[in-house]
Amino acid sequence: MSGCLVKPLKLWDFWKVSSHTKFLNAVFGTNYSENYTYRKSSFEYSENTIAWFVRFDGKERNGFINSWVDKNDIKQTYVGETGLFDGKPLNLKSELDYRLVFEIIDKPLRKYIFNGLYKLDRYISTQQYNKDGDPRYELVFRKISDIFPIK
């Protein structure tokens, strides 16, 4: 992605912008208009890495609750009623391996804060199932870097 405005991403870097689109344009040098259709919580950066826009507020969002385990681990608990991620079938083996984590704080003005590069560390079955028979589970992501060079 040429034309990016930030190199490299560093822990606690932040941007005050009002939308994912404005954030993507500012950080990754994209040129999307406000009506660009993107996934609600992520942006595909590469084949196995996504930029993940996440709130750690304890609320269910799109079938998931996200929380900090400690300063280096994030837990994503699937509590949804369908086996979908942003409207698409879940694929734990590919796009979810690495995540550039950007925490969203909405008040008083939306802010995106870079929390590091995380790698899928473990899958935990909760031994529960939703109404469609899909297993509920938890994913734990471990921080592997506080810095990430944007290409």
N, C-alpha and C. Protein backbone atom coordinates (compact mmCIF):
# COMPACT_ATOMS: atom_id res chain seq x y z
N MET A 1 0.84 -1.17 0.00
CA MET A 1 0.00 0.00 0.00
C MET A 1 0.88 1.22 0.00
N SER A 2 1.02 1.78 -1.13
CA SER A 2 1.88 2.95 -1.22
C SER A 2 1.15 4.19 -0.72
N GLY A 3 1.93 5.17 -0.36
CA GLY A 3 1.35 6.43 0.06
C GLY A 3 0.91 6.47 1.51
N CYS A 4 1.31 5.48 2.32
CA CYS A 4 0.89 5.51 3.72
C CYS A 4 1.57 6.68 4.41
N LEU A 5 0.92 7.20 5.40
CA LEU A 5 1.38 8.41 6.05
C LEU A 5 2.14 8.15 7.34
N VAL A 6 2.13 6.90 7.83
CA VAL A 6 2.76 6.58 9.09
C VAL A 6 3.70 5.40 8.88
N LYS A 7 5.00 5.54 9.25
CA LYS A 7 5.96 4.43 9.18
C LYS A 7 6.90 4.56 10.34
N PRO A 8 7.18 3.58 11.10
CA PRO A 8 6.31 2.42 11.34
C PRO A 8 5.25 2.76 12.39
N LEU A 9 4.32 1.85 12.58
CA LEU A 9 3.35 2.00 13.66
C LEU A 9 4.08 1.71 14.97
N LYS A 10 3.83 2.51 15.99
CA LYS A 10 4.46 2.31 17.30
C LYS A 10 3.39 2.27 18.38
N LEU A 11 3.66 1.49 19.42
CA LEU A 11 2.74 1.35 20.54
C LEU A 11 2.26 2.71 21.02
N TRP A 12 0.98 2.84 21.20
CA TRP A 12 0.27 4.02 21.70
C TRP A 12 0.13 5.14 20.67
N ASP A 13 0.62 4.95 19.42
CA ASP A 13 0.30 5.93 18.39
C ASP A 13 -1.21 6.05 18.32
N PHE A 14 -1.73 7.26 18.11
CA PHE A 14 -3.19 7.38 18.02
C PHE A 14 -3.58 8.41 16.98
N TRP A 15 -4.82 8.26 16.51
CA TRP A 15 -5.40 9.12 15.50
C TRP A 15 -6.80 9.51 15.94
N LYS A 16 -7.13 10.77 15.87
CA LYS A 16 -8.49 11.24 16.17
C LYS A 16 -9.18 11.49 14.84
N VAL A 17 -9.98 10.53 14.43
CA VAL A 17 -10.74 10.62 13.18
C VAL A 17 -12.13 10.06 13.44
N SER A 18 -13.07 10.43 12.61
CA SER A 18 -14.47 10.10 12.87
C SER A 18 -14.97 8.80 12.26
N SER A 19 -14.13 8.11 11.45
CA SER A 19 -14.62 6.89 10.81
C SER A 19 -13.46 5.96 10.45
N HIS A 20 -13.80 4.69 10.23
CA HIS A 20 -12.81 3.72 9.78
C HIS A 20 -12.19 4.19 8.46
N THR A 21 -13.01 4.72 7.56
CA THR A 21 -12.53 5.15 6.25
C THR A 21 -11.46 6.23 6.40
N LYS A 22 -11.72 7.23 7.22
CA LYS A 22 -10.74 8.30 7.43
C LYS A 22 -9.47 7.75 8.08
N PHE A 23 -9.64 6.80 8.99
CA PHE A 23 -8.49 6.17 9.62
C PHE A 23 -7.65 5.41 8.60
N LEU A 24 -8.29 4.58 7.76
CA LEU A 24 -7.56 3.81 6.74
C LEU A 24 -6.81 4.74 5.80
N ASN A 25 -7.44 5.81 5.38
CA ASN A 25 -6.79 6.76 4.48
C ASN A 25 -5.57 7.41 5.15
N ALA A 26 -5.70 7.77 6.41
CA ALA A 26 -4.62 8.44 7.13
C ALA A 26 -3.45 7.52 7.42
N VAL A 27 -3.72 6.28 7.81
CA VAL A 27 -2.66 5.39 8.26
C VAL A 27 -2.09 4.53 7.13
N PHE A 28 -2.95 3.99 6.30
CA PHE A 28 -2.49 3.05 5.28
C PHE A 28 -2.41 3.65 3.88
N GLY A 29 -2.72 4.94 3.75
CA GLY A 29 -2.58 5.61 2.47
C GLY A 29 -3.61 5.19 1.44
N THR A 30 -4.72 4.63 1.90
CA THR A 30 -5.79 4.29 0.96
C THR A 30 -6.48 5.58 0.52
N ASN A 31 -7.32 5.48 -0.45
CA ASN A 31 -8.03 6.65 -0.94
C ASN A 31 -9.52 6.34 -1.04
N TYR A 32 -10.06 5.81 0.05
CA TYR A 32 -11.45 5.40 0.06
C TYR A 32 -12.37 6.59 0.31
N SER A 33 -13.54 6.54 -0.31
CA SER A 33 -14.56 7.55 -0.03
C SER A 33 -15.36 7.06 1.17
N GLU A 34 -16.14 7.93 1.76
CA GLU A 34 -16.91 7.58 2.96
C GLU A 34 -17.92 6.46 2.71
N ASN A 35 -18.29 6.21 1.46
CA ASN A 35 -19.25 5.13 1.20
C ASN A 35 -18.56 3.83 0.82
N TYR A 36 -17.23 3.74 1.05
CA TYR A 36 -16.48 2.52 0.80
C TYR A 36 -17.03 1.41 1.70
N THR A 37 -17.27 0.24 1.12
CA THR A 37 -17.78 -0.89 1.90
C THR A 37 -16.61 -1.69 2.43
N TYR A 38 -16.46 -1.75 3.72
CA TYR A 38 -15.40 -2.50 4.36
C TYR A 38 -16.02 -3.38 5.43
N ARG A 39 -15.24 -4.27 5.95
CA ARG A 39 -15.72 -5.11 7.04
C ARG A 39 -15.87 -4.24 8.28
N LYS A 40 -16.84 -4.55 9.10
CA LYS A 40 -17.17 -3.69 10.24
C LYS A 40 -16.01 -3.55 11.23
N SER A 41 -15.27 -4.61 11.45
CA SER A 41 -14.27 -4.55 12.50
C SER A 41 -12.85 -4.77 12.02
N SER A 42 -12.64 -4.93 10.73
CA SER A 42 -11.28 -5.19 10.28
C SER A 42 -11.05 -4.73 8.85
N PHE A 43 -9.76 -4.67 8.53
CA PHE A 43 -9.31 -4.31 7.19
C PHE A 43 -8.20 -5.29 6.83
N GLU A 44 -8.32 -5.94 5.70
CA GLU A 44 -7.30 -6.92 5.30
C GLU A 44 -6.04 -6.18 4.87
N TYR A 45 -4.99 -6.35 5.67
CA TYR A 45 -3.71 -5.71 5.37
C TYR A 45 -2.88 -6.58 4.44
N SER A 46 -2.85 -7.88 4.72
CA SER A 46 -2.14 -8.84 3.89
C SER A 46 -2.86 -10.18 3.98
N GLU A 47 -2.30 -11.20 3.37
CA GLU A 47 -2.97 -12.50 3.31
C GLU A 47 -3.30 -13.06 4.69
N ASN A 48 -2.44 -12.85 5.67
CA ASN A 48 -2.70 -13.41 7.00
C ASN A 48 -2.68 -12.38 8.12
N THR A 49 -2.83 -11.10 7.75
CA THR A 49 -2.83 -10.03 8.75
C THR A 49 -3.98 -9.07 8.49
N ILE A 50 -4.71 -8.77 9.56
CA ILE A 50 -5.76 -7.78 9.46
C ILE A 50 -5.47 -6.63 10.42
N ALA A 51 -5.93 -5.45 10.05
CA ALA A 51 -6.00 -4.34 11.00
C ALA A 51 -7.34 -4.53 11.69
N TRP A 52 -7.32 -4.63 12.99
CA TRP A 52 -8.52 -4.97 13.78
C TRP A 52 -8.92 -3.76 14.60
N PHE A 53 -10.13 -3.27 14.38
CA PHE A 53 -10.67 -2.12 15.10
C PHE A 53 -11.56 -2.67 16.20
N VAL A 54 -11.15 -2.50 17.45
CA VAL A 54 -11.82 -3.20 18.54
C VAL A 54 -12.08 -2.27 19.72
N ARG A 55 -13.18 -2.54 20.37
CA ARG A 55 -13.53 -1.83 21.60
C ARG A 55 -13.46 -2.85 22.73
N PHE A 56 -12.83 -2.47 23.82
CA PHE A 56 -12.73 -3.34 24.99
C PHE A 56 -13.69 -2.82 26.07
N ASP A 57 -14.97 -2.84 25.74
CA ASP A 57 -15.97 -2.27 26.64
C ASP A 57 -16.91 -3.31 27.25
N GLY A 58 -16.63 -4.60 27.00
CA GLY A 58 -17.46 -5.66 27.58
C GLY A 58 -18.78 -5.89 26.88
N LYS A 59 -19.04 -5.15 25.81
CA LYS A 59 -20.30 -5.30 25.08
C LYS A 59 -20.15 -6.28 23.93
N GLU A 60 -21.23 -7.02 23.64
CA GLU A 60 -21.22 -7.90 22.48
C GLU A 60 -21.32 -7.04 21.22
N ARG A 61 -20.41 -7.29 20.31
CA ARG A 61 -20.41 -6.59 19.03
C ARG A 61 -20.21 -7.63 17.94
N ASN A 62 -21.19 -7.75 17.04
CA ASN A 62 -21.13 -8.70 15.94
C ASN A 62 -20.87 -10.12 16.41
N GLY A 63 -21.41 -10.48 17.58
CA GLY A 63 -21.29 -11.85 18.08
C GLY A 63 -20.05 -12.11 18.92
N PHE A 64 -19.26 -11.08 19.19
CA PHE A 64 -18.02 -11.26 19.95
C PHE A 64 -17.95 -10.28 21.11
N ILE A 65 -17.31 -10.73 22.19
CA ILE A 65 -16.95 -9.85 23.30
C ILE A 65 -15.43 -9.89 23.40
N ASN A 66 -14.80 -8.73 23.40
CA ASN A 66 -13.34 -8.64 23.44
C ASN A 66 -12.90 -8.10 24.80
N SER A 67 -11.83 -8.70 25.34
CA SER A 67 -11.35 -8.26 26.65
C SER A 67 -9.85 -8.48 26.76
N TRP A 68 -9.25 -7.73 27.67
CA TRP A 68 -7.83 -7.91 27.97
C TRP A 68 -7.69 -9.03 28.97
N VAL A 69 -6.78 -9.96 28.74
CA VAL A 69 -6.43 -10.98 29.73
C VAL A 69 -5.37 -10.38 30.64
N ASP A 70 -4.37 -9.76 30.03
CA ASP A 70 -3.32 -9.02 30.71
C ASP A 70 -2.74 -8.05 29.68
N LYS A 71 -1.62 -7.41 29.97
CA LYS A 71 -1.11 -6.39 29.05
C LYS A 71 -0.62 -6.96 27.72
N ASN A 72 -0.44 -8.28 27.62
CA ASN A 72 0.06 -8.88 26.39
C ASN A 72 -0.93 -9.81 25.70
N ASP A 73 -2.06 -10.09 26.31
CA ASP A 73 -3.01 -11.05 25.73
C ASP A 73 -4.41 -10.45 25.63
N ILE A 74 -5.05 -10.74 24.49
CA ILE A 74 -6.43 -10.32 24.25
C ILE A 74 -7.27 -11.57 24.05
N LYS A 75 -8.43 -11.58 24.68
CA LYS A 75 -9.36 -12.70 24.52
C LYS A 75 -10.57 -12.23 23.72
N GLN A 76 -10.90 -12.99 22.70
CA GLN A 76 -12.08 -12.72 21.90
C GLN A 76 -13.03 -13.90 22.12
N THR A 77 -14.17 -13.64 22.73
CA THR A 77 -15.14 -14.69 23.05
C THR A 77 -16.29 -14.63 22.06
N TYR A 78 -16.51 -15.74 21.37
CA TYR A 78 -17.62 -15.81 20.42
C TYR A 78 -18.88 -16.21 21.18
N VAL A 79 -19.87 -15.34 21.15
CA VAL A 79 -21.14 -15.59 21.84
C VAL A 79 -22.32 -15.46 20.88
N GLY A 80 -22.01 -15.34 19.60
CA GLY A 80 -23.03 -15.07 18.60
C GLY A 80 -23.93 -16.25 18.28
N GLU A 81 -24.95 -15.96 17.50
CA GLU A 81 -25.92 -16.97 17.11
C GLU A 81 -25.69 -17.50 15.71
N THR A 82 -24.71 -16.98 15.00
CA THR A 82 -24.36 -17.51 13.68
C THR A 82 -22.85 -17.65 13.59
N GLY A 83 -22.38 -18.52 12.76
CA GLY A 83 -20.95 -18.74 12.59
C GLY A 83 -20.35 -17.78 11.60
N LEU A 84 -20.62 -16.48 11.75
CA LEU A 84 -20.15 -15.49 10.80
C LEU A 84 -19.23 -14.48 11.49
N PHE A 85 -18.31 -13.94 10.71
CA PHE A 85 -17.43 -12.87 11.17
C PHE A 85 -17.58 -11.75 10.16
N ASP A 86 -18.11 -10.63 10.60
CA ASP A 86 -18.40 -9.52 9.69
C ASP A 86 -19.22 -9.97 8.49
N GLY A 87 -20.19 -10.86 8.73
CA GLY A 87 -21.10 -11.30 7.69
C GLY A 87 -20.57 -12.40 6.79
N LYS A 88 -19.34 -12.88 7.06
CA LYS A 88 -18.74 -13.93 6.25
C LYS A 88 -18.44 -15.14 7.13
N PRO A 89 -18.45 -16.36 6.55
CA PRO A 89 -18.14 -17.55 7.36
C PRO A 89 -16.77 -17.43 8.03
N LEU A 90 -16.70 -17.87 9.27
CA LEU A 90 -15.46 -17.81 10.02
C LEU A 90 -14.41 -18.73 9.41
N ASN A 91 -13.18 -18.29 9.37
CA ASN A 91 -12.07 -19.08 8.86
C ASN A 91 -10.90 -18.88 9.82
N LEU A 92 -10.79 -19.76 10.80
CA LEU A 92 -9.77 -19.59 11.83
C LEU A 92 -8.36 -19.87 11.33
N LYS A 93 -8.22 -20.51 10.20
CA LYS A 93 -6.90 -20.92 9.73
C LYS A 93 -6.17 -19.87 8.89
N SER A 94 -6.85 -18.80 8.48
CA SER A 94 -6.17 -17.88 7.58
C SER A 94 -6.13 -16.46 8.12
N GLU A 95 -7.15 -15.68 7.80
CA GLU A 95 -7.10 -14.24 8.03
C GLU A 95 -6.98 -13.83 9.48
N LEU A 96 -7.26 -14.72 10.39
CA LEU A 96 -7.25 -14.33 11.79
C LEU A 96 -5.93 -14.61 12.49
N ASP A 97 -4.89 -15.02 11.76
CA ASP A 97 -3.62 -15.39 12.39
C ASP A 97 -2.91 -14.21 13.05
N TYR A 98 -2.80 -13.08 12.36
CA TYR A 98 -2.10 -11.90 12.88
C TYR A 98 -3.04 -10.71 12.85
N ARG A 99 -2.95 -9.90 13.89
CA ARG A 99 -3.81 -8.72 13.98
C ARG A 99 -3.02 -7.50 14.42
N LEU A 100 -3.15 -6.44 13.63
CA LEU A 100 -2.68 -5.13 14.05
C LEU A 100 -3.84 -4.55 14.86
N VAL A 101 -3.67 -4.43 16.15
CA VAL A 101 -4.78 -4.08 17.03
C VAL A 101 -4.85 -2.57 17.23
N PHE A 102 -6.02 -2.02 16.87
CA PHE A 102 -6.31 -0.60 17.07
C PHE A 102 -7.53 -0.51 17.98
N GLU A 103 -7.30 -0.09 19.22
CA GLU A 103 -8.41 0.07 20.15
C GLU A 103 -9.16 1.35 19.80
N ILE A 104 -10.49 1.25 19.80
CA ILE A 104 -11.32 2.42 19.54
C ILE A 104 -11.88 2.92 20.85
N ILE A 105 -11.69 4.21 21.10
CA ILE A 105 -12.30 4.90 22.23
C ILE A 105 -13.22 5.93 21.59
N ASP A 106 -14.51 5.87 21.90
CA ASP A 106 -15.48 6.72 21.21
C ASP A 106 -15.71 8.08 21.85
N LYS A 107 -15.39 8.26 23.11
CA LYS A 107 -15.74 9.53 23.76
C LYS A 107 -14.51 10.17 24.36
N PRO A 108 -14.39 11.48 24.34
CA PRO A 108 -15.36 12.42 23.82
C PRO A 108 -15.32 12.52 22.29
N LEU A 109 -14.17 12.19 21.67
CA LEU A 109 -14.05 12.18 20.21
C LEU A 109 -13.41 10.84 19.85
N ARG A 110 -13.87 10.20 18.78
CA ARG A 110 -13.35 8.88 18.42
C ARG A 110 -11.83 8.94 18.25
N LYS A 111 -11.17 7.94 18.87
CA LYS A 111 -9.73 7.84 18.80
C LYS A 111 -9.36 6.39 18.52
N TYR A 112 -8.40 6.16 17.62
CA TYR A 112 -7.86 4.85 17.31
C TYR A 112 -6.45 4.78 17.90
N ILE A 113 -6.20 3.81 18.76
CA ILE A 113 -4.91 3.69 19.45
C ILE A 113 -4.25 2.37 19.06
N PHE A 114 -3.01 2.44 18.56
CA PHE A 114 -2.29 1.23 18.17
C PHE A 114 -1.80 0.51 19.42
N ASN A 115 -2.20 -0.76 19.56
CA ASN A 115 -1.82 -1.57 20.72
C ASN A 115 -0.80 -2.64 20.39
N GLY A 116 -0.36 -2.75 19.14
CA GLY A 116 0.68 -3.71 18.80
C GLY A 116 0.21 -4.74 17.78
N LEU A 117 1.15 -5.62 17.42
CA LEU A 117 0.89 -6.74 16.53
C LEU A 117 0.68 -7.97 17.39
N TYR A 118 -0.43 -8.66 17.15
CA TYR A 118 -0.79 -9.85 17.93
C TYR A 118 -0.89 -11.05 17.01
N LYS A 119 -0.58 -12.23 17.58
CA LYS A 119 -0.67 -13.49 16.84
C LYS A 119 -1.65 -14.40 17.56
N LEU A 120 -2.45 -15.11 16.78
CA LEU A 120 -3.36 -16.10 17.37
C LEU A 120 -2.54 -17.10 18.16
N ASP A 121 -2.81 -17.21 19.45
CA ASP A 121 -2.03 -18.07 20.34
C ASP A 121 -2.76 -19.37 20.65
N ARG A 122 -4.07 -19.27 20.91
CA ARG A 122 -4.79 -20.51 21.23
C ARG A 122 -6.29 -20.34 21.02
N TYR A 123 -6.90 -21.49 20.75
CA TYR A 123 -8.35 -21.63 20.56
C TYR A 123 -8.84 -22.42 21.76
N ILE A 124 -9.87 -21.91 22.42
CA ILE A 124 -10.41 -22.58 23.61
C ILE A 124 -11.88 -22.88 23.37
N SER A 125 -12.24 -24.14 23.42
CA SER A 125 -13.64 -24.52 23.29
C SER A 125 -14.35 -24.24 24.61
N THR A 126 -15.54 -23.67 24.54
CA THR A 126 -16.31 -23.41 25.75
C THR A 126 -17.30 -24.54 26.03
N GLN A 127 -17.35 -25.53 25.13
CA GLN A 127 -18.28 -26.65 25.24
C GLN A 127 -19.73 -26.19 25.18
N GLN A 128 -19.98 -25.04 24.56
CA GLN A 128 -21.33 -24.53 24.37
C GLN A 128 -21.56 -24.36 22.87
N TYR A 129 -22.85 -24.35 22.49
CA TYR A 129 -23.21 -24.23 21.08
C TYR A 129 -24.33 -23.22 20.91
N ASN A 130 -24.35 -22.53 19.76
CA ASN A 130 -25.43 -21.60 19.50
C ASN A 130 -26.62 -22.35 18.91
N LYS A 131 -27.66 -21.61 18.56
CA LYS A 131 -28.88 -22.24 18.07
C LYS A 131 -28.70 -22.97 16.74
N ASP A 132 -27.65 -22.60 15.98
CA ASP A 132 -27.37 -23.27 14.71
C ASP A 132 -26.45 -24.48 14.89
N GLY A 133 -26.05 -24.76 16.13
CA GLY A 133 -25.16 -25.89 16.39
C GLY A 133 -23.69 -25.56 16.23
N ASP A 134 -23.39 -24.28 15.98
CA ASP A 134 -21.99 -23.88 15.86
C ASP A 134 -21.37 -23.78 17.25
N PRO A 135 -20.12 -24.22 17.40
CA PRO A 135 -19.49 -24.15 18.72
C PRO A 135 -19.16 -22.72 19.12
N ARG A 136 -19.35 -22.44 20.39
CA ARG A 136 -18.90 -21.16 20.94
C ARG A 136 -17.48 -21.39 21.45
N TYR A 137 -16.65 -20.38 21.39
CA TYR A 137 -15.24 -20.56 21.70
C TYR A 137 -14.63 -19.23 22.10
N GLU A 138 -13.38 -19.32 22.52
CA GLU A 138 -12.58 -18.14 22.80
C GLU A 138 -11.28 -18.24 22.02
N LEU A 139 -10.84 -17.12 21.50
CA LEU A 139 -9.53 -17.03 20.85
C LEU A 139 -8.67 -16.13 21.72
N VAL A 140 -7.43 -16.52 21.92
CA VAL A 140 -6.50 -15.69 22.67
C VAL A 140 -5.37 -15.27 21.73
N PHE A 141 -5.16 -13.97 21.68
CA PHE A 141 -4.11 -13.40 20.85
C PHE A 141 -3.01 -12.86 21.75
N ARG A 142 -1.76 -13.19 21.42
CA ARG A 142 -0.61 -12.76 22.21
C ARG A 142 0.17 -11.70 21.45
N LYS A 143 0.55 -10.63 22.16
CA LYS A 143 1.33 -9.56 21.54
C LYS A 143 2.71 -10.09 21.18
N ILE A 144 3.13 -9.81 19.94
CA ILE A 144 4.46 -10.21 19.51
C ILE A 144 5.34 -9.01 19.17
N SER A 145 4.75 -7.83 19.05
CA SER A 145 5.55 -6.65 18.76
C SER A 145 4.79 -5.37 19.10
N ASP A 146 5.54 -4.38 19.57
CA ASP A 146 4.99 -3.04 19.83
C ASP A 146 5.15 -2.12 18.62
N ILE A 147 5.86 -2.61 17.60
CA ILE A 147 6.16 -1.82 16.41
C ILE A 147 5.80 -2.65 15.19
N PHE A 148 5.29 -1.97 14.15
CA PHE A 148 4.98 -2.67 12.90
C PHE A 148 5.30 -1.76 11.72
N PRO A 149 6.21 -2.22 10.82
CA PRO A 149 6.53 -1.40 9.63
C PRO A 149 5.44 -1.54 8.57
N ILE A 150 4.90 -0.43 8.14
CA ILE A 150 3.89 -0.45 7.08
C ILE A 150 4.61 -0.45 5.74
N LYS A 151 4.14 -1.31 4.86
CA LYS A 151 4.76 -1.41 3.52
C LYS A 151 4.18 -0.36 2.60
